[in-house]
Structure formats: C-alpha cells, structure tokens
Amino acid sequence: MAKNKQLVASGVGQTSRVDALKQAIEKAKSFNFDLNGSVMASDAFFPFADSVEIAKKAGVTSVIQPGGSIRDKDSIDFCNENNMSMVFTGKRHFKH
C-alpha cells in the first residue's frame, strides 16, 4: 500500500492473500500511517472480492493487480459499487 509517494504497508511472505493484507494493515496502523486514500498493489489476482472489501474498510481507494481470475468480475463489481478504481496490468512479476 502506498500514499503520498510513500510505501505505508507491505504484506509479504504469507500463503494467504487475506492474511498478507491484514498483516500489512496492522503494520501500517502500528506506525500510525493513515490508509485513507491509499492505493494497494498486488502481484497476484484476486479470486474473491474479500481482499478489496478488507482494503476498502482500511481506507484504500484504488487497486492495481494483474487480473486473470475467472472471478475478476466479483472484485470489479465491488470496486464499482464502492467508488474504488481498479487497474489491471495483465502481467505477473512473481512466478511460481
């Protein structure tokens, strides 16, 4: 997550995308970073809308991700219904 040209949170090394996001949010809060108006970037697609829902509650207003899930529409619909922008890169940088 970034805000005002600064990295304010990073969730890495987790096997769960939700756990990584929650960890990033808690870390940002522990340093008193305000996530309202922040952006979230992910190298993985969102197979469910849960990540964007959690991000929205934390104050994220924009998401960038590679896309490619057969359920991309769920995340797109949530963002559209909640005034969040979402950008698809079409590329993953981390391969496994």
C-alpha atoms as a PDB file:
ATOM      1  CA  MET A   1       0.000   0.000   0.000  1.00  0.00           C
ATOM      2  CA  ALA A   2       1.211   3.473  -0.793  1.00  0.00           C
ATOM      3  CA  LYS A   3       0.112   7.011  -0.079  1.00  0.00           C
ATOM      4  CA  ASN A   4       1.690  10.346  -0.929  1.00  0.00           C
ATOM      5  CA  LYS A   5       4.563   8.643  -2.795  1.00  0.00           C
ATOM      6  CA  GLN A   6       5.431   6.592   0.286  1.00  0.00           C
ATOM      7  CA  LEU A   7       5.163   2.878   0.993  1.00  0.00           C
ATOM      8  CA  VAL A   8       2.961   2.681   4.074  1.00  0.00           C
ATOM      9  CA  ALA A   9       2.318  -1.058   4.277  1.00  0.00           C
ATOM     10  CA  SER A  10       3.592  -4.287   2.825  1.00  0.00           C
ATOM     11  CA  GLY A  11       2.214  -7.769   3.304  1.00  0.00           C
ATOM     12  CA  VAL A  12       4.679 -10.373   2.104  1.00  0.00           C
ATOM     13  CA  GLY A  13       5.622 -13.980   2.636  1.00  0.00           C
ATOM     14  CA  GLN A  14       2.159 -15.209   3.526  1.00  0.00           C
ATOM     15  CA  THR A  15       0.471 -18.119   1.804  1.00  0.00           C
ATOM     16  CA  SER A  16      -2.870 -16.386   2.303  1.00  0.00           C
ATOM     17  CA  ARG A  17      -3.586 -13.172   0.428  1.00  0.00           C
ATOM     18  CA  VAL A  18      -6.064 -12.183   3.149  1.00  0.00           C
ATOM     19  CA  ASP A  19      -3.504 -12.753   5.925  1.00  0.00           C
ATOM     20  CA  ALA A  20      -0.903 -10.749   3.993  1.00  0.00           C
ATOM     21  CA  LEU A  21      -3.344  -7.865   3.611  1.00  0.00           C
ATOM     22  CA  LYS A  22      -4.407  -7.918   7.255  1.00  0.00           C
ATOM     23  CA  GLN A  23      -0.757  -8.044   8.324  1.00  0.00           C
ATOM     24  CA  ALA A  24       0.037  -5.031   6.128  1.00  0.00           C
ATOM     25  CA  ILE A  25      -2.884  -3.057   7.540  1.00  0.00           C
ATOM     26  CA  GLU A  26      -1.883  -3.825  11.132  1.00  0.00           C
ATOM     27  CA  LYS A  27       1.734  -2.884  10.434  1.00  0.00           C
ATOM     28  CA  ALA A  28       0.652   0.449   8.935  1.00  0.00           C
ATOM     29  CA  LYS A  29      -1.543   1.141  11.955  1.00  0.00           C
ATOM     30  CA  SER A  30       1.300   0.298  14.333  1.00  0.00           C
ATOM     31  CA  PHE A  31       3.287   3.173  12.757  1.00  0.00           C
ATOM     32  CA  ASN A  32       0.236   5.469  12.766  1.00  0.00           C
ATOM     33  CA  PHE A  33       0.021   5.628   8.973  1.00  0.00           C
ATOM     34  CA  ASP A  34      -3.338   6.833   7.700  1.00  0.00           C
ATOM     35  CA  LEU A  35      -4.527   4.468   4.974  1.00  0.00           C
ATOM     36  CA  ASN A  36      -7.452   6.674   3.919  1.00  0.00           C
ATOM     37  CA  GLY A  37      -6.891   7.492   0.272  1.00  0.00           C
ATOM     38  CA  SER A  38      -4.108   4.947  -0.149  1.00  0.00           C
ATOM     39  CA  VAL A  39      -3.583   2.628  -3.092  1.00  0.00           C
ATOM     40  CA  MET A  40      -2.985  -1.116  -3.000  1.00  0.00           C
ATOM     41  CA  ALA A  41      -0.864  -3.043  -5.472  1.00  0.00           C
ATOM     42  CA  SER A  42      -0.778  -6.819  -5.776  1.00  0.00           C
ATOM     43  CA  ASP A  43       1.285  -9.143  -7.910  1.00  0.00           C
ATOM     44  CA  ALA A  44      -1.476 -11.749  -7.678  1.00  0.00           C
ATOM     45  CA  PHE A  45      -5.050 -11.618  -8.893  1.00  0.00           C
ATOM     46  CA  PHE A  46      -8.000 -11.621  -6.523  1.00  0.00           C
ATOM     47  CA  PRO A  47     -10.060 -14.805  -6.925  1.00  0.00           C
ATOM     48  CA  PHE A  48     -12.630 -13.403  -4.488  1.00  0.00           C
ATOM     49  CA  ALA A  49     -13.749  -9.906  -3.545  1.00  0.00           C
ATOM     50  CA  ASP A  50     -12.647 -10.385   0.087  1.00  0.00           C
ATOM     51  CA  SER A  51      -9.320  -8.610  -0.359  1.00  0.00           C
ATOM     52  CA  VAL A  52     -10.808  -5.492  -1.924  1.00  0.00           C
ATOM     53  CA  GLU A  53     -13.527  -5.468   0.742  1.00  0.00           C
ATOM     54  CA  ILE A  54     -10.901  -5.532   3.523  1.00  0.00           C
ATOM     55  CA  ALA A  55      -8.833  -2.899   1.718  1.00  0.00           C
ATOM     56  CA  LYS A  56     -11.873  -0.620   1.372  1.00  0.00           C
ATOM     57  CA  LYS A  57     -12.580  -0.854   5.104  1.00  0.00           C
ATOM     58  CA  ALA A  58      -8.958   0.154   5.760  1.00  0.00           C
ATOM     59  CA  GLY A  59      -9.271   3.253   3.547  1.00  0.00           C
ATOM     60  CA  VAL A  60      -7.843   2.073   0.218  1.00  0.00           C
ATOM     61  CA  THR A  61      -9.402   3.870  -2.754  1.00  0.00           C
ATOM     62  CA  SER A  62      -7.550   2.305  -5.686  1.00  0.00           C
ATOM     63  CA  VAL A  63      -6.205  -1.133  -6.576  1.00  0.00           C
ATOM     64  CA  ILE A  64      -3.754  -2.301  -9.210  1.00  0.00           C
ATOM     65  CA  GLN A  65      -3.392  -6.001  -9.935  1.00  0.00           C
ATOM     66  CA  PRO A  66      -2.589  -8.374 -12.816  1.00  0.00           C
ATOM     67  CA  GLY A  67      -6.111  -9.781 -13.173  1.00  0.00           C
ATOM     68  CA  GLY A  68      -6.696 -13.148 -14.745  1.00  0.00           C
ATOM     69  CA  SER A  69      -9.017 -14.813 -12.248  1.00  0.00           C
ATOM     70  CA  ILE A  70     -12.169 -16.397 -13.607  1.00  0.00           C
ATOM     71  CA  ARG A  71     -13.888 -14.429 -10.820  1.00  0.00           C
ATOM     72  CA  ASP A  72     -12.380 -10.998 -11.623  1.00  0.00           C
ATOM     73  CA  LYS A  73     -15.917  -9.689 -12.040  1.00  0.00           C
ATOM     74  CA  ASP A  74     -16.607 -10.112  -8.301  1.00  0.00           C
ATOM     75  CA  SER A  75     -13.775  -7.720  -7.405  1.00  0.00           C
ATOM     76  CA  ILE A  76     -14.643  -5.365 -10.256  1.00  0.00           C
ATOM     77  CA  ASP A  77     -18.270  -5.208  -9.150  1.00  0.00           C
ATOM     78  CA  PHE A  78     -17.302  -4.496  -5.538  1.00  0.00           C
ATOM     79  CA  CYS A  79     -14.975  -1.700  -6.622  1.00  0.00           C
ATOM     80  CA  ASN A  80     -17.585  -0.193  -8.928  1.00  0.00           C
ATOM     81  CA  GLU A  81     -20.219  -0.294  -6.179  1.00  0.00           C
ATOM     82  CA  ASN A  82     -17.851   1.296  -3.649  1.00  0.00           C
ATOM     83  CA  ASN A  83     -16.164   4.074  -5.657  1.00  0.00           C
ATOM     84  CA  MET A  84     -12.822   2.286  -5.850  1.00  0.00           C
ATOM     85  CA  SER A  85     -10.759   2.310  -9.007  1.00  0.00           C
ATOM     86  CA  MET A  86      -9.117  -0.884 -10.237  1.00  0.00           C
ATOM     87  CA  VAL A  87      -6.399  -1.181 -12.847  1.00  0.00           C
ATOM     88  CA  PHE A  88      -5.344  -4.443 -14.477  1.00  0.00           C
ATOM     89  CA  THR A  89      -1.724  -4.809 -15.586  1.00  0.00           C
ATOM     90  CA  GLY A  90      -2.162  -8.159 -17.312  1.00  0.00           C
ATOM     91  CA  LYS A  91       1.289  -9.208 -16.067  1.00  0.00           C
ATOM     92  CA  ARG A  92       2.642 -11.056 -13.051  1.00  0.00           C
ATOM     93  CA  HIS A  93       6.193 -10.448 -11.987  1.00  0.00           C
ATOM     94  CA  PHE A  94       6.381 -13.252  -9.432  1.00  0.00           C
ATOM     95  CA  LYS A  95       6.194 -16.700 -10.966  1.00  0.00           C
ATOM     96  CA  HIS A  96       5.961 -19.971  -9.080  1.00  0.00           C
END
